[in-house]
Amino acid sequence: MLRIEAIALAAQAAEAQNALLICNIGYPSRELFSVKDRRENFYMLGSMGLASSIGLGLALARPERKVMVLDGDGSVLMNLGTLATIAHHAPENYLLVILDNCCYGSTGSQPTCTHLGTDLFALAKAAGVKKVSLVERAEDLALALLGHDVVIIVKVEEGNAPVPIISLSPEDIIVRFIRCAQPVLPSGKSRL
């Protein structure tokens, strides 16, 4: 399955669940923007390795909101401690989808350690994540996105879709996302 196909399925599930969606830097964010731009999407334009942590913090702060994170194998490998922290907290409203293409797709497709044999499923289990699955087919991903996993590892093909650069400024991305992510006040208005 192509990464953009997996991203499209995740975006569809996020929209159906009214989930806040945090997306990894580089091409994954660009691909998400091209297939399903929503105010509830946060496109990371920097901070490699932190999408999973940002999403976890958001899920803990907003337990009544579903939070989904699209991250890459290279980014998760850069911040392996996130798996232990996710396992420790394991909020029911949090889902980490790791798109494993065995390479750093946004910087030239240099191989990651998953290409060399590192097993993200085994690492998540060893970190204590109880609800983790590994999928390789689109139909299996569609079902997994409806389930109760905390981490889903999705095997995707190497390669980036020919998508344009995100047309929003970093300021636009954060302001519109905050408006969707913050709690509604008793008056029915948001803080911004």
Foldseek 3Di string as FASTA:
>chain_A
DALLLLLLLLLVLCVVQVAQEEEAAAQRLLSNCVNDDDLSYFYDNDDQLCQLVVQVVLCVVCVVHAYEYEHEPQSCVVPVVSLLVCLVVVRQRAAYEYEYQQAPQRPPGHGDCVVVPDDVQVSSVVSRQPFEEEDEDSVVSSVVSPDRGRYYYYYHHRDGDPGDDDPDDNVSSVVSNCLSSADQDPVRHGPD
